Amino acid sequence: MKAPRPASSRASSTRFTGRPIQRSLMNGLPTLVSPAGLVKPPAVLRKPAPWLGQWRVRTFDRKFGPDFLAGVPSAPGVYRLHDASGAVIYVGKARDLRRRLAQYRTAGRTRTDRKRRRLVRAAARIAWQVCASELDAALTEVALIQDLRPRENVASAFPFLYPFVGIRSEGGQTRFCLTTSPAAVPRFELHGAFRSRAVTGEAFFALMRLLRFVGHPTPPRRRDRLELPRHCHVRGFRRLPEQSAALWSAFFRGASRAALESLCLRLLEHAGARARSAAVQDDLRALGRFFEDEAAPLAAAVAATGHAGYPVAQADRDALFLRYRAGGGVAR
């Protein structure tokens, strides 16, 4: 009588993978199992039915007419979408008006197309305005958005939220402010307007924490609490290093990082700062990010375009950067 043959690892693998469900799991393929235990191949995604694209086209044609695009010029300009009440719900710009509006007619399934389909459903009328150049179209778009504030436009719609950072020295005290209301702090030397409230605010409060290691914070003044808007933040310090106000003014203007470098050296000598090295590093990074993303680009745009007046008004900032980019500048 022969001895039973030992099971090899290959045989075990064969028995394991011979079952339909187990084999599919090992292969890492999605399967569909019938009640009889048979494995069916993965379903193939079907292409959208041809009638779906035709339905999108018919929606545009039904609302604006099948010959609408024939009357749109192939020229740079801006276009406005109006709802049934006549209110402007969206303003856009285009290098080629006919080509851009044709994209609304054949909007597909991408994220951009989803917004276009939504706008087509909401719009009752489309109007356009031809501009002399693509830059003129972009400037006109910004002006219309700021003036009309259409509900579907977000970018450039709220320039009054662009922040400023201010510095003022008086009586041995250096005061800093963060505000979106420049008229509320007329005695401060303001820098801005900056675009990102998040980046600017993070840098401002990071600096206020770091200056506690090299200066003495002063208590808030009661007059400031009563007179300043709630969204205006003012902090004061005594005994800051010499020339601190001038150095930080150059930093916020985007002209020099010397203030940040000097602060780093002083923090290395402070035992309390070394003990909180992780938090200090985070705050220093926030200041560096602000300089690279906000202060330096604004300074470059002002210099390249010859913009008159500083600080840059909130309503003028977006137009300034449009001209800067049109001239070959690279803005973040």
C-alpha atoms as a PDB file:
ATOM      1  CA  MET A   1       0.000   0.000   0.000  1.00  0.00           C
ATOM      2  CA  LYS A   2       1.439   3.321  -1.091  1.00  0.00           C
ATOM      3  CA  ALA A   3       1.905   6.064   1.435  1.00  0.00           C
ATOM      4  CA  PRO A   4      -0.294   9.126   0.897  1.00  0.00           C
ATOM      5  CA  ARG A   5       1.424  11.695  -1.272  1.00  0.00           C
ATOM      6  CA  PRO A   6       2.304  14.849   0.682  1.00  0.00           C
ATOM      7  CA  ALA A   7       0.442  17.949  -0.393  1.00  0.00           C
ATOM      8  CA  SER A   8       2.763  20.422  -2.046  1.00  0.00           C
ATOM      9  CA  SER A   9       2.512  24.145  -1.713  1.00  0.00           C
ATOM     10  CA  ARG A  10       1.681  24.255  -5.408  1.00  0.00           C
ATOM     11  CA  ALA A  11      -1.242  21.911  -4.951  1.00  0.00           C
ATOM     12  CA  SER A  12      -2.516  23.969  -2.025  1.00  0.00           C
ATOM     13  CA  SER A  13      -2.333  27.063  -4.128  1.00  0.00           C
ATOM     14  CA  THR A  14      -4.172  25.316  -6.929  1.00  0.00           C
ATOM     15  CA  ARG A  15      -6.943  24.182  -4.656  1.00  0.00           C
ATOM     16  CA  PHE A  16      -7.214  27.662  -3.149  1.00  0.00           C
ATOM     17  CA  THR A  17      -7.240  29.548  -6.409  1.00  0.00           C
ATOM     18  CA  GLY A  18      -9.453  27.038  -8.119  1.00  0.00           C
ATOM     19  CA  ARG A  19     -12.528  28.478  -6.463  1.00  0.00           C
ATOM     20  CA  PRO A  20     -14.031  31.325  -8.487  1.00  0.00           C
ATOM     21  CA  ILE A  21     -14.494  33.764  -5.625  1.00  0.00           C
ATOM     22  CA  GLN A  22     -11.059  33.140  -4.086  1.00  0.00           C
ATOM     23  CA  ARG A  23      -9.321  33.352  -7.450  1.00  0.00           C
ATOM     24  CA  SER A  24     -10.924  36.719  -8.129  1.00  0.00           C
ATOM     25  CA  LEU A  25      -9.832  38.026  -4.743  1.00  0.00           C
ATOM     26  CA  MET A  26      -6.243  37.006  -5.384  1.00  0.00           C
ATOM     27  CA  ASN A  27      -6.273  38.690  -8.761  1.00  0.00           C
ATOM     28  CA  GLY A  28      -7.621  41.867  -7.196  1.00  0.00           C
ATOM     29  CA  LEU A  29     -10.443  42.159  -9.718  1.00  0.00           C
ATOM     30  CA  PRO A  30     -14.033  43.215  -8.936  1.00  0.00           C
ATOM     31  CA  THR A  31     -16.454  40.343  -9.554  1.00  0.00           C
ATOM     32  CA  LEU A  32     -20.141  39.671  -9.669  1.00  0.00           C
ATOM     33  CA  VAL A  33     -21.248  36.293  -8.320  1.00  0.00           C
ATOM     34  CA  SER A  34     -24.484  34.735  -9.502  1.00  0.00           C
ATOM     35  CA  PRO A  35     -26.679  32.641  -7.186  1.00  0.00           C
ATOM     36  CA  ALA A  36     -25.195  29.543  -8.819  1.00  0.00           C
ATOM     37  CA  GLY A  37     -21.699  30.594  -7.769  1.00  0.00           C
ATOM     38  CA  LEU A  38     -20.477  31.504 -11.239  1.00  0.00           C
ATOM     39  CA  VAL A  39     -18.154  34.443 -11.589  1.00  0.00           C
ATOM     40  CA  LYS A  40     -19.115  37.075 -14.116  1.00  0.00           C
ATOM     41  CA  PRO A  41     -16.569  39.496 -15.634  1.00  0.00           C
ATOM     42  CA  PRO A  42     -16.565  43.125 -14.440  1.00  0.00           C
ATOM     43  CA  ALA A  43     -19.190  45.296 -16.039  1.00  0.00           C
ATOM     44  CA  VAL A  44     -17.915  47.647 -18.723  1.00  0.00           C
ATOM     45  CA  LEU A  45     -18.764  51.299 -18.245  1.00  0.00           C
ATOM     46  CA  ARG A  46     -21.016  52.379 -21.005  1.00  0.00           C
ATOM     47  CA  LYS A  47     -20.520  55.574 -22.905  1.00  0.00           C
ATOM     48  CA  PRO A  48     -23.118  58.300 -22.369  1.00  0.00           C
ATOM     49  CA  ALA A  49     -26.052  57.870 -24.674  1.00  0.00           C
ATOM     50  CA  PRO A  50     -25.920  60.119 -27.749  1.00  0.00           C
ATOM     51  CA  TRP A  51     -29.231  61.658 -26.823  1.00  0.00           C
ATOM     52  CA  LEU A  52     -27.712  63.075 -23.594  1.00  0.00           C
ATOM     53  CA  GLY A  53     -25.448  65.493 -25.475  1.00  0.00           C
ATOM     54  CA  GLN A  54     -28.310  66.387 -27.773  1.00  0.00           C
ATOM     55  CA  TRP A  55     -30.468  67.154 -24.740  1.00  0.00           C
ATOM     56  CA  ARG A  56     -27.821  69.580 -23.436  1.00  0.00           C
ATOM     57  CA  VAL A  57     -27.647  71.309 -26.796  1.00  0.00           C
ATOM     58  CA  ARG A  58     -31.424  71.505 -27.033  1.00  0.00           C
ATOM     59  CA  THR A  59     -31.595  73.114 -23.575  1.00  0.00           C
ATOM     60  CA  PHE A  60     -29.287  75.930 -24.698  1.00  0.00           C
ATOM     61  CA  ASP A  61     -31.025  76.298 -28.070  1.00  0.00           C
ATOM     62  CA  ARG A  62     -34.479  76.251 -26.527  1.00  0.00           C
ATOM     63  CA  LYS A  63     -33.619  79.089 -24.145  1.00  0.00           C
ATOM     64  CA  PHE A  64     -31.522  81.301 -26.410  1.00  0.00           C
ATOM     65  CA  GLY A  65     -32.392  80.154 -29.923  1.00  0.00           C
ATOM     66  CA  PRO A  66     -30.623  77.759 -32.329  1.00  0.00           C
ATOM     67  CA  ASP A  67     -29.002  80.664 -34.193  1.00  0.00           C
ATOM     68  CA  PHE A  68     -27.791  82.470 -31.073  1.00  0.00           C
ATOM     69  CA  LEU A  69     -24.087  81.719 -31.551  1.00  0.00           C
ATOM     70  CA  ALA A  70     -24.164  82.893 -35.158  1.00  0.00           C
ATOM     71  CA  GLY A  71     -24.661  86.439 -33.898  1.00  0.00           C
ATOM     72  CA  VAL A  72     -21.832  86.315 -31.339  1.00  0.00           C
ATOM     73  CA  PRO A  73     -18.535  87.783 -32.612  1.00  0.00           C
ATOM     74  CA  SER A  74     -15.239  85.888 -32.455  1.00  0.00           C
ATOM     75  CA  ALA A  75     -13.549  88.676 -30.520  1.00  0.00           C
ATOM     76  CA  PRO A  76     -12.363  89.358 -26.955  1.00  0.00           C
ATOM     77  CA  GLY A  77     -14.990  90.659 -24.580  1.00  0.00           C
ATOM     78  CA  VAL A  78     -17.168  90.078 -21.553  1.00  0.00           C
ATOM     79  CA  TYR A  79     -20.518  88.360 -21.289  1.00  0.00           C
ATOM     80  CA  ARG A  80     -23.312  88.648 -18.740  1.00  0.00           C
ATOM     81  CA  LEU A  81     -25.942  86.082 -17.828  1.00  0.00           C
ATOM     82  CA  HIS A  82     -29.275  87.519 -16.641  1.00  0.00           C
ATOM     83  CA  ASP A  83     -32.052  85.685 -14.829  1.00  0.00           C
ATOM     84  CA  ALA A  84     -35.767  86.028 -15.573  1.00  0.00           C
ATOM     85  CA  SER A  85     -36.001  89.201 -13.478  1.00  0.00           C
ATOM     86  CA  GLY A  86     -33.174  90.841 -15.424  1.00  0.00           C
ATOM     87  CA  ALA A  87     -30.619  90.645 -12.618  1.00  0.00           C
ATOM     88  CA  VAL A  88     -27.061  89.745 -13.594  1.00  0.00           C
ATOM     89  CA  ILE A  89     -26.181  86.360 -12.107  1.00  0.00           C
ATOM     90  CA  TYR A  90     -22.748  85.869 -13.685  1.00  0.00           C
ATOM     91  CA  VAL A  91     -20.073  87.880 -15.491  1.00  0.00           C
ATOM     92  CA  GLY A  92     -17.279  86.256 -17.486  1.00  0.00           C
ATOM     93  CA  LYS A  93     -14.522  87.210 -19.896  1.00  0.00           C
ATOM     94  CA  ALA A  94     -13.304  85.500 -23.053  1.00  0.00           C
ATOM     95  CA  ARG A  95     -10.551  85.756 -25.613  1.00  0.00           C
ATOM     96  CA  ASP A  96     -13.126  84.564 -28.156  1.00  0.00           C
ATOM     97  CA  LEU A  97     -16.729  85.248 -27.166  1.00  0.00           C
ATOM     98  CA  ARG A  98     -18.273  82.833 -29.666  1.00  0.00           C
ATOM     99  CA  ARG A  99     -16.020  79.959 -28.653  1.00  0.00           C
ATOM    100  CA  ARG A 100     -16.582  80.561 -24.941  1.00  0.00           C
ATOM    101  CA  LEU A 101     -20.374  80.719 -25.215  1.00  0.00           C
ATOM    102  CA  ALA A 102     -20.331  77.609 -27.413  1.00  0.00           C
ATOM    103  CA  GLN A 103     -18.854  75.793 -24.408  1.00  0.00           C
ATOM    104  CA  TYR A 104     -22.043  76.589 -22.492  1.00  0.00           C
ATOM    105  CA  ARG A 105     -24.042  75.030 -25.335  1.00  0.00           C
ATOM    106  CA  THR A 106     -22.154  71.718 -25.227  1.00  0.00           C
ATOM    107  CA  ALA A 107     -21.280  71.544 -21.514  1.00  0.00           C
ATOM    108  CA  GLY A 108     -20.265  68.036 -20.445  1.00  0.00           C
ATOM    109  CA  ARG A 109     -19.678  66.320 -17.110  1.00  0.00           C
ATOM    110  CA  THR A 110     -16.544  68.014 -15.764  1.00  0.00           C
ATOM    111  CA  ARG A 111     -16.597  70.290 -12.720  1.00  0.00           C
ATOM    112  CA  THR A 112     -16.386  73.386 -14.908  1.00  0.00           C
ATOM    113  CA  ASP A 113     -19.142  72.055 -17.136  1.00  0.00           C
ATOM    114  CA  ARG A 114     -21.394  71.394 -14.144  1.00  0.00           C
ATOM    115  CA  LYS A 115     -21.244  75.080 -13.295  1.00  0.00           C
ATOM    116  CA  ARG A 116     -21.971  75.986 -16.913  1.00  0.00           C
ATOM    117  CA  ARG A 117     -25.001  73.691 -17.009  1.00  0.00           C
ATOM    118  CA  ARG A 118     -26.262  75.285 -13.797  1.00  0.00           C
ATOM    119  CA  LEU A 119     -25.815  78.761 -15.253  1.00  0.00           C
ATOM    120  CA  VAL A 120     -27.652  77.793 -18.455  1.00  0.00           C
ATOM    121  CA  ARG A 121     -30.575  76.510 -16.400  1.00  0.00           C
ATOM    122  CA  ALA A 122     -30.688  79.718 -14.320  1.00  0.00           C
ATOM    123  CA  ALA A 123     -30.170  82.215 -17.152  1.00  0.00           C
ATOM    124  CA  ALA A 124     -32.932  83.731 -19.241  1.00  0.00           C
ATOM    125  CA  ARG A 125     -30.758  86.029 -21.358  1.00  0.00           C
ATOM    126  CA  ILE A 126     -27.107  86.359 -22.385  1.00  0.00           C
ATOM    127  CA  ALA A 127     -25.566  89.712 -23.298  1.00  0.00           C
ATOM    128  CA  TRP A 128     -22.024  90.473 -24.400  1.00  0.00           C
ATOM    129  CA  GLN A 129     -19.697  93.414 -24.864  1.00  0.00           C
ATOM    130  CA  VAL A 130     -16.758  93.421 -27.293  1.00  0.00           C
ATOM    131  CA  CYS A 131     -13.461  94.777 -25.902  1.00  0.00           C
ATOM    132  CA  ALA A 132     -10.340  96.029 -27.645  1.00  0.00           C
ATOM    133  CA  SER A 133      -8.076  93.323 -26.197  1.00  0.00           C
ATOM    134  CA  GLU A 134      -7.976  90.393 -23.829  1.00  0.00           C
ATOM    135  CA  LEU A 135      -6.553  92.669 -21.123  1.00  0.00           C
ATOM    136  CA  ASP A 136      -9.396  95.147 -21.593  1.00  0.00           C
ATOM    137  CA  ALA A 137     -11.842  92.256 -21.288  1.00  0.00           C
ATOM    138  CA  ALA A 138     -10.247  91.127 -18.016  1.00  0.00           C
ATOM    139  CA  LEU A 139     -10.276  94.663 -16.591  1.00  0.00           C
ATOM    140  CA  THR A 140     -13.898  95.166 -17.640  1.00  0.00           C
ATOM    141  CA  GLU A 141     -14.847  91.860 -16.036  1.00  0.00           C
ATOM    142  CA  VAL A 142     -13.301  92.856 -12.699  1.00  0.00           C
ATOM    143  CA  ALA A 143     -15.007  96.264 -12.783  1.00  0.00           C
ATOM    144  CA  LEU A 144     -18.406  94.706 -13.533  1.00  0.00           C
ATOM    145  CA  ILE A 145     -18.022  92.064 -10.827  1.00  0.00           C
ATOM    146  CA  GLN A 146     -17.084  94.668  -8.220  1.00  0.00           C
ATOM    147  CA  ASP A 147     -19.954  96.922  -9.299  1.00  0.00           C
ATOM    148  CA  LEU A 148     -22.722  94.331  -9.766  1.00  0.00           C
ATOM    149  CA  ARG A 149     -21.578  91.511  -7.424  1.00  0.00           C
ATOM    150  CA  PRO A 150     -23.362  88.719  -9.300  1.00  0.00           C
ATOM    151  CA  ARG A 151     -24.301  85.840  -7.044  1.00  0.00           C
ATOM    152  CA  GLU A 152     -22.332  83.268  -9.081  1.00  0.00           C
ATOM    153  CA  ASN A 153     -19.069  85.260  -9.066  1.00  0.00           C
ATOM    154  CA  VAL A 154     -16.752  84.906  -6.092  1.00  0.00           C
ATOM    155  CA  ALA A 155     -13.300  86.007  -7.287  1.00  0.00           C
ATOM    156  CA  SER A 156     -12.879  89.805  -7.207  1.00  0.00           C
ATOM    157  CA  ALA A 157     -16.400  90.269  -5.841  1.00  0.00           C
ATOM    158  CA  PHE A 158     -15.373  91.360  -2.325  1.00  0.00           C
ATOM    159  CA  PRO A 159     -12.290  93.601  -2.533  1.00  0.00           C
ATOM    160  CA  PHE A 160     -13.340  95.375   0.659  1.00  0.00           C
ATOM    161  CA  LEU A 161     -12.174  92.244   2.508  1.00  0.00           C
ATOM    162  CA  TYR A 162      -8.558  92.598   1.320  1.00  0.00           C
ATOM    163  CA  PRO A 163      -6.449  93.320   4.432  1.00  0.00           C
ATOM    164  CA  PHE A 164      -3.810  95.914   5.262  1.00  0.00           C
ATOM    165  CA  VAL A 165      -1.043  95.793   7.853  1.00  0.00           C
ATOM    166  CA  GLY A 166      -0.085  99.061   9.552  1.00  0.00           C
ATOM    167  CA  ILE A 167       2.811 100.259  11.732  1.00  0.00           C
ATOM    168  CA  ARG A 168       3.102 103.338  13.930  1.00  0.00           C
ATOM    169  CA  SER A 169       5.786 104.505  16.364  1.00  0.00           C
ATOM    170  CA  GLU A 170       4.929 106.948  19.147  1.00  0.00           C
ATOM    171  CA  GLY A 171       6.275 107.659  22.612  1.00  0.00           C
ATOM    172  CA  GLY A 172       8.717 104.758  22.712  1.00  0.00           C
ATOM    173  CA  GLN A 173       6.015 102.345  21.638  1.00  0.00           C
ATOM    174  CA  THR A 174       5.624 100.539  18.308  1.00  0.00           C
ATOM    175  CA  ARG A 175       2.091  99.613  17.357  1.00  0.00           C
ATOM    176  CA  PHE A 176       0.920  97.211  14.668  1.00  0.00           C
ATOM    177  CA  CYS A 177      -2.552  96.850  13.183  1.00  0.00           C
ATOM    178  CA  LEU A 178      -4.391  94.438  10.902  1.00  0.00           C
ATOM    179  CA  THR A 179      -7.483  95.872   9.253  1.00  0.00           C
ATOM    180  CA  THR A 180      -9.765  95.789   6.241  1.00  0.00           C
ATOM    181  CA  SER A 181     -10.912  99.353   7.003  1.00  0.00           C
ATOM    182  CA  PRO A 182      -7.957 101.641   6.230  1.00  0.00           C
ATOM    183  CA  ALA A 183      -9.975 104.771   6.970  1.00  0.00           C
ATOM    184  CA  ALA A 184     -10.321 103.627  10.595  1.00  0.00           C
ATOM    185  CA  VAL A 185      -6.551 103.865  11.242  1.00  0.00           C
ATOM    186  CA  PRO A 186      -5.404 107.071   9.490  1.00  0.00           C
ATOM    187  CA  ARG A 187      -2.310 107.526  11.683  1.00  0.00           C
ATOM    188  CA  PHE A 188      -0.783 104.165  10.765  1.00  0.00           C
ATOM    189  CA  GLU A 189       1.631 103.625   7.887  1.00  0.00           C
ATOM    190  CA  LEU A 190      -0.344 101.025   5.937  1.00  0.00           C
ATOM    191  CA  HIS A 191       0.904  98.290   3.620  1.00  0.00           C
ATOM    192  CA  GLY A 192      -1.243  96.348   1.167  1.00  0.00           C
ATOM    193  CA  ALA A 193      -3.859  95.758   0.098  1.00  0.00           C
ATOM    194  CA  PHE A 194      -3.087  92.053   0.273  1.00  0.00           C
ATOM    195  CA  ARG A 195      -5.352  89.454  -1.237  1.00  0.00           C
ATOM    196  CA  SER A 196      -5.396  86.546   1.215  1.00  0.00           C
ATOM    197  CA  ARG A 197      -6.940  87.266   4.591  1.00  0.00           C
ATOM    198  CA  ALA A 198      -5.827  83.837   5.807  1.00  0.00           C
ATOM    199  CA  VAL A 199      -2.143  84.212   4.888  1.00  0.00           C
ATOM    200  CA  THR A 200      -1.974  87.843   6.052  1.00  0.00           C
ATOM    201  CA  GLY A 201      -3.808  87.215   9.314  1.00  0.00           C
ATOM    202  CA  GLU A 202      -1.694  84.162  10.096  1.00  0.00           C
ATOM    203  CA  ALA A 203       1.489  86.162   9.573  1.00  0.00           C
ATOM    204  CA  PHE A 204       0.278  89.137  11.614  1.00  0.00           C
ATOM    205  CA  PHE A 205      -0.637  87.113  14.699  1.00  0.00           C
ATOM    206  CA  ALA A 206       2.521  85.001  14.321  1.00  0.00           C
ATOM    207  CA  LEU A 207       4.577  88.201  14.495  1.00  0.00           C
ATOM    208  CA  MET A 208       2.646  89.396  17.534  1.00  0.00           C
ATOM    209  CA  ARG A 209       3.517  86.143  19.338  1.00  0.00           C
ATOM    210  CA  LEU A 210       7.192  86.287  18.361  1.00  0.00           C
ATOM    211  CA  LEU A 211       7.664  89.926  19.369  1.00  0.00           C
ATOM    212  CA  ARG A 212       6.790  88.959  22.940  1.00  0.00           C
ATOM    213  CA  PHE A 213      10.221  87.317  23.145  1.00  0.00           C
ATOM    214  CA  VAL A 214      12.110  90.486  22.140  1.00  0.00           C
ATOM    215  CA  GLY A 215       9.856  93.256  23.466  1.00  0.00           C
ATOM    216  CA  HIS A 216       7.244  94.028  26.113  1.00  0.00           C
ATOM    217  CA  PRO A 217       3.588  93.963  25.022  1.00  0.00           C
ATOM    218  CA  THR A 218       1.480  96.890  26.164  1.00  0.00           C
ATOM    219  CA  PRO A 219      -2.132  96.500  27.300  1.00  0.00           C
ATOM    220  CA  PRO A 220      -4.863  97.423  24.799  1.00  0.00           C
ATOM    221  CA  ARG A 221      -5.998 101.017  25.009  1.00  0.00           C
ATOM    222  CA  ARG A 222      -9.605 101.615  25.967  1.00  0.00           C
ATOM    223  CA  ARG A 223      -9.934 104.253  23.253  1.00  0.00           C
ATOM    224  CA  ASP A 224      -8.975 101.689  20.606  1.00  0.00           C
ATOM    225  CA  ARG A 225     -11.658  99.293  21.820  1.00  0.00           C
ATOM    226  CA  LEU A 226     -14.289 102.009  21.603  1.00  0.00           C
ATOM    227  CA  GLU A 227     -13.269 103.693  18.337  1.00  0.00           C
ATOM    228  CA  LEU A 228     -11.942 100.917  16.114  1.00  0.00           C
ATOM    229  CA  PRO A 229     -14.117  98.437  14.203  1.00  0.00           C
ATOM    230  CA  ARG A 230     -14.374  94.958  15.671  1.00  0.00           C
ATOM    231  CA  HIS A 231     -12.425  93.453  12.770  1.00  0.00           C
ATOM    232  CA  CYS A 232      -9.500  95.861  13.313  1.00  0.00           C
ATOM    233  CA  HIS A 233      -6.711  94.390  15.474  1.00  0.00           C
ATOM    234  CA  VAL A 234      -4.126  96.639  17.158  1.00  0.00           C
ATOM    235  CA  ARG A 235      -1.162  95.444  19.249  1.00  0.00           C
ATOM    236  CA  GLY A 236       1.570  97.520  20.903  1.00  0.00           C
ATOM    237  CA  PHE A 237       5.112  96.788  22.167  1.00  0.00           C
ATOM    238  CA  ARG A 238       7.731  98.672  24.177  1.00  0.00           C
ATOM    239  CA  ARG A 239      11.510  98.185  24.121  1.00  0.00           C
ATOM    240  CA  LEU A 240      11.651  96.550  20.730  1.00  0.00           C
ATOM    241  CA  PRO A 241      15.117  96.431  19.120  1.00  0.00           C
ATOM    242  CA  GLU A 242      16.304  99.636  17.500  1.00  0.00           C
ATOM    243  CA  GLN A 243      14.960 100.357  14.015  1.00  0.00           C
ATOM    244  CA  SER A 244      12.277  97.679  14.407  1.00  0.00           C
ATOM    245  CA  ALA A 245       9.546  99.875  12.950  1.00  0.00           C
ATOM    246  CA  ALA A 246      11.592 100.715   9.841  1.00  0.00           C
ATOM    247  CA  LEU A 247      12.665  97.104   9.302  1.00  0.00           C
ATOM    248  CA  TRP A 248       9.159  95.717   9.616  1.00  0.00           C
ATOM    249  CA  SER A 249       7.817  98.464   7.397  1.00  0.00           C
ATOM    250  CA  ALA A 250      10.235  97.328   4.663  1.00  0.00           C
ATOM    251  CA  PHE A 251       9.186  93.722   5.270  1.00  0.00           C
ATOM    252  CA  PHE A 252       5.467  94.385   4.872  1.00  0.00           C
ATOM    253  CA  ARG A 253       6.155  96.548   1.851  1.00  0.00           C
ATOM    254  CA  GLY A 254       7.855  93.561   0.235  1.00  0.00           C
ATOM    255  CA  ALA A 255      11.213  95.340  -0.037  1.00  0.00           C
ATOM    256  CA  SER A 256      13.395  93.387   2.406  1.00  0.00           C
ATOM    257  CA  ARG A 257      13.454  90.281   4.636  1.00  0.00           C
ATOM    258  CA  ALA A 258      16.016  91.874   6.968  1.00  0.00           C
ATOM    259  CA  ALA A 259      13.475  92.240   9.791  1.00  0.00           C
ATOM    260  CA  LEU A 260      12.706  88.517   9.714  1.00  0.00           C
ATOM    261  CA  GLU A 261      16.396  87.568   9.634  1.00  0.00           C
ATOM    262  CA  SER A 262      17.169  89.874  12.570  1.00  0.00           C
ATOM    263  CA  LEU A 263      14.257  88.423  14.536  1.00  0.00           C
ATOM    264  CA  CYS A 264      15.514  84.866  13.925  1.00  0.00           C
ATOM    265  CA  LEU A 265      18.939  85.721  15.370  1.00  0.00           C
ATOM    266  CA  ARG A 266      17.433  87.279  18.487  1.00  0.00           C
ATOM    267  CA  LEU A 267      15.126  84.303  19.029  1.00  0.00           C
ATOM    268  CA  LEU A 268      18.137  81.968  18.978  1.00  0.00           C
ATOM    269  CA  GLU A 269      19.516  83.871  21.968  1.00  0.00           C
ATOM    270  CA  HIS A 270      16.243  83.693  23.932  1.00  0.00           C
ATOM    271  CA  ALA A 271      15.848  80.657  26.200  1.00  0.00           C
ATOM    272  CA  GLY A 272      12.057  80.860  26.155  1.00  0.00           C
ATOM    273  CA  ALA A 273      11.994  80.849  22.357  1.00  0.00           C
ATOM    274  CA  ARG A 274      14.354  77.865  22.225  1.00  0.00           C
ATOM    275  CA  ALA A 275      12.116  75.990  24.640  1.00  0.00           C
ATOM    276  CA  ARG A 276       9.186  76.532  22.272  1.00  0.00           C
ATOM    277  CA  SER A 277      11.152  75.859  19.109  1.00  0.00           C
ATOM    278  CA  ALA A 278       8.370  74.005  17.261  1.00  0.00           C
ATOM    279  CA  ALA A 279       5.821  76.800  17.724  1.00  0.00           C
ATOM    280  CA  VAL A 280       8.433  79.444  16.931  1.00  0.00           C
ATOM    281  CA  GLN A 281       9.372  77.657  13.709  1.00  0.00           C
ATOM    282  CA  ASP A 282       5.713  77.541  12.656  1.00  0.00           C
ATOM    283  CA  ASP A 283       5.355  81.270  13.239  1.00  0.00           C
ATOM    284  CA  LEU A 284       8.534  82.053  11.309  1.00  0.00           C
ATOM    285  CA  ARG A 285       7.292  79.955   8.396  1.00  0.00           C
ATOM    286  CA  ALA A 286       4.011  81.867   8.411  1.00  0.00           C
ATOM    287  CA  LEU A 287       5.914  85.143   8.097  1.00  0.00           C
ATOM    288  CA  GLY A 288       8.098  83.768   5.312  1.00  0.00           C
ATOM    289  CA  ARG A 289       5.046  82.487   3.457  1.00  0.00           C
ATOM    290  CA  PHE A 290       3.395  85.899   3.705  1.00  0.00           C
ATOM    291  CA  PHE A 291       6.473  87.642   2.305  1.00  0.00           C
ATOM    292  CA  GLU A 292       6.729  85.245  -0.654  1.00  0.00           C
ATOM    293  CA  ASP A 293       3.005  85.008  -1.439  1.00  0.00           C
ATOM    294  CA  GLU A 294       1.730  88.492  -0.648  1.00  0.00           C
ATOM    295  CA  ALA A 295       4.272  91.230   0.110  1.00  0.00           C
ATOM    296  CA  ALA A 296       6.920  90.513  -2.542  1.00  0.00           C
ATOM    297  CA  PRO A 297       4.456  89.954  -5.439  1.00  0.00           C
ATOM    298  CA  LEU A 298       2.623  93.173  -4.587  1.00  0.00           C
ATOM    299  CA  ALA A 299       5.900  95.109  -4.527  1.00  0.00           C
ATOM    300  CA  ALA A 300       6.893  93.607  -7.887  1.00  0.00           C
ATOM    301  CA  ALA A 301       3.522  94.470  -9.429  1.00  0.00           C
ATOM    302  CA  VAL A 302       3.690  98.069  -8.204  1.00  0.00           C
ATOM    303  CA  ALA A 303       7.228  98.502  -9.533  1.00  0.00           C
ATOM    304  CA  ALA A 304       6.570  96.847 -12.907  1.00  0.00           C
ATOM    305  CA  THR A 305       3.390  98.748 -13.692  1.00  0.00           C
ATOM    306  CA  GLY A 306       4.420 102.100 -12.251  1.00  0.00           C
ATOM    307  CA  HIS A 307       1.270 102.121 -10.149  1.00  0.00           C
ATOM    308  CA  ALA A 308       0.746 105.536  -8.582  1.00  0.00           C
ATOM    309  CA  GLY A 309      -0.099 105.685  -4.919  1.00  0.00           C
ATOM    310  CA  TYR A 310       0.659 103.417  -2.001  1.00  0.00           C
ATOM    311  CA  PRO A 311      -0.875 101.572  -0.296  1.00  0.00           C
ATOM    312  CA  VAL A 312      -2.780 100.050  -3.197  1.00  0.00           C
ATOM    313  CA  ALA A 313      -6.512 100.604  -2.808  1.00  0.00           C
ATOM    314  CA  GLN A 314      -8.557  97.459  -2.282  1.00  0.00           C
ATOM    315  CA  ALA A 315     -10.635  98.058  -5.414  1.00  0.00           C
ATOM    316  CA  ASP A 316      -7.465  98.554  -7.506  1.00  0.00           C
ATOM    317  CA  ARG A 317      -5.521  95.477  -6.456  1.00  0.00           C
ATOM    318  CA  ASP A 318      -6.991  92.922  -8.881  1.00  0.00           C
ATOM    319  CA  ALA A 319      -6.703  95.294 -11.843  1.00  0.00           C
ATOM    320  CA  LEU A 320      -3.080  95.991 -10.882  1.00  0.00           C
ATOM    321  CA  PHE A 321      -2.210  92.296 -11.040  1.00  0.00           C
ATOM    322  CA  LEU A 322      -4.027  91.857 -14.344  1.00  0.00           C
ATOM    323  CA  ARG A 323      -1.820  94.557 -15.870  1.00  0.00           C
ATOM    324  CA  TYR A 324       1.235  93.026 -14.211  1.00  0.00           C
ATOM    325  CA  ARG A 325       0.556  89.574 -15.676  1.00  0.00           C
ATOM    326  CA  ALA A 326      -0.251  91.058 -19.074  1.00  0.00           C
ATOM    327  CA  GLY A 327       3.177  92.683 -19.060  1.00  0.00           C
ATOM    328  CA  GLY A 328       4.922  89.372 -18.439  1.00  0.00           C
ATOM    329  CA  GLY A 329       5.000  89.408 -14.643  1.00  0.00           C
ATOM    330  CA  VAL A 330       4.438  86.192 -12.712  1.00  0.00           C
ATOM    331  CA  ALA A 331       2.041  86.758  -9.822  1.00  0.00           C
ATOM    332  CA  ARG A 332       1.157  84.146  -7.245  1.00  0.00           C
END
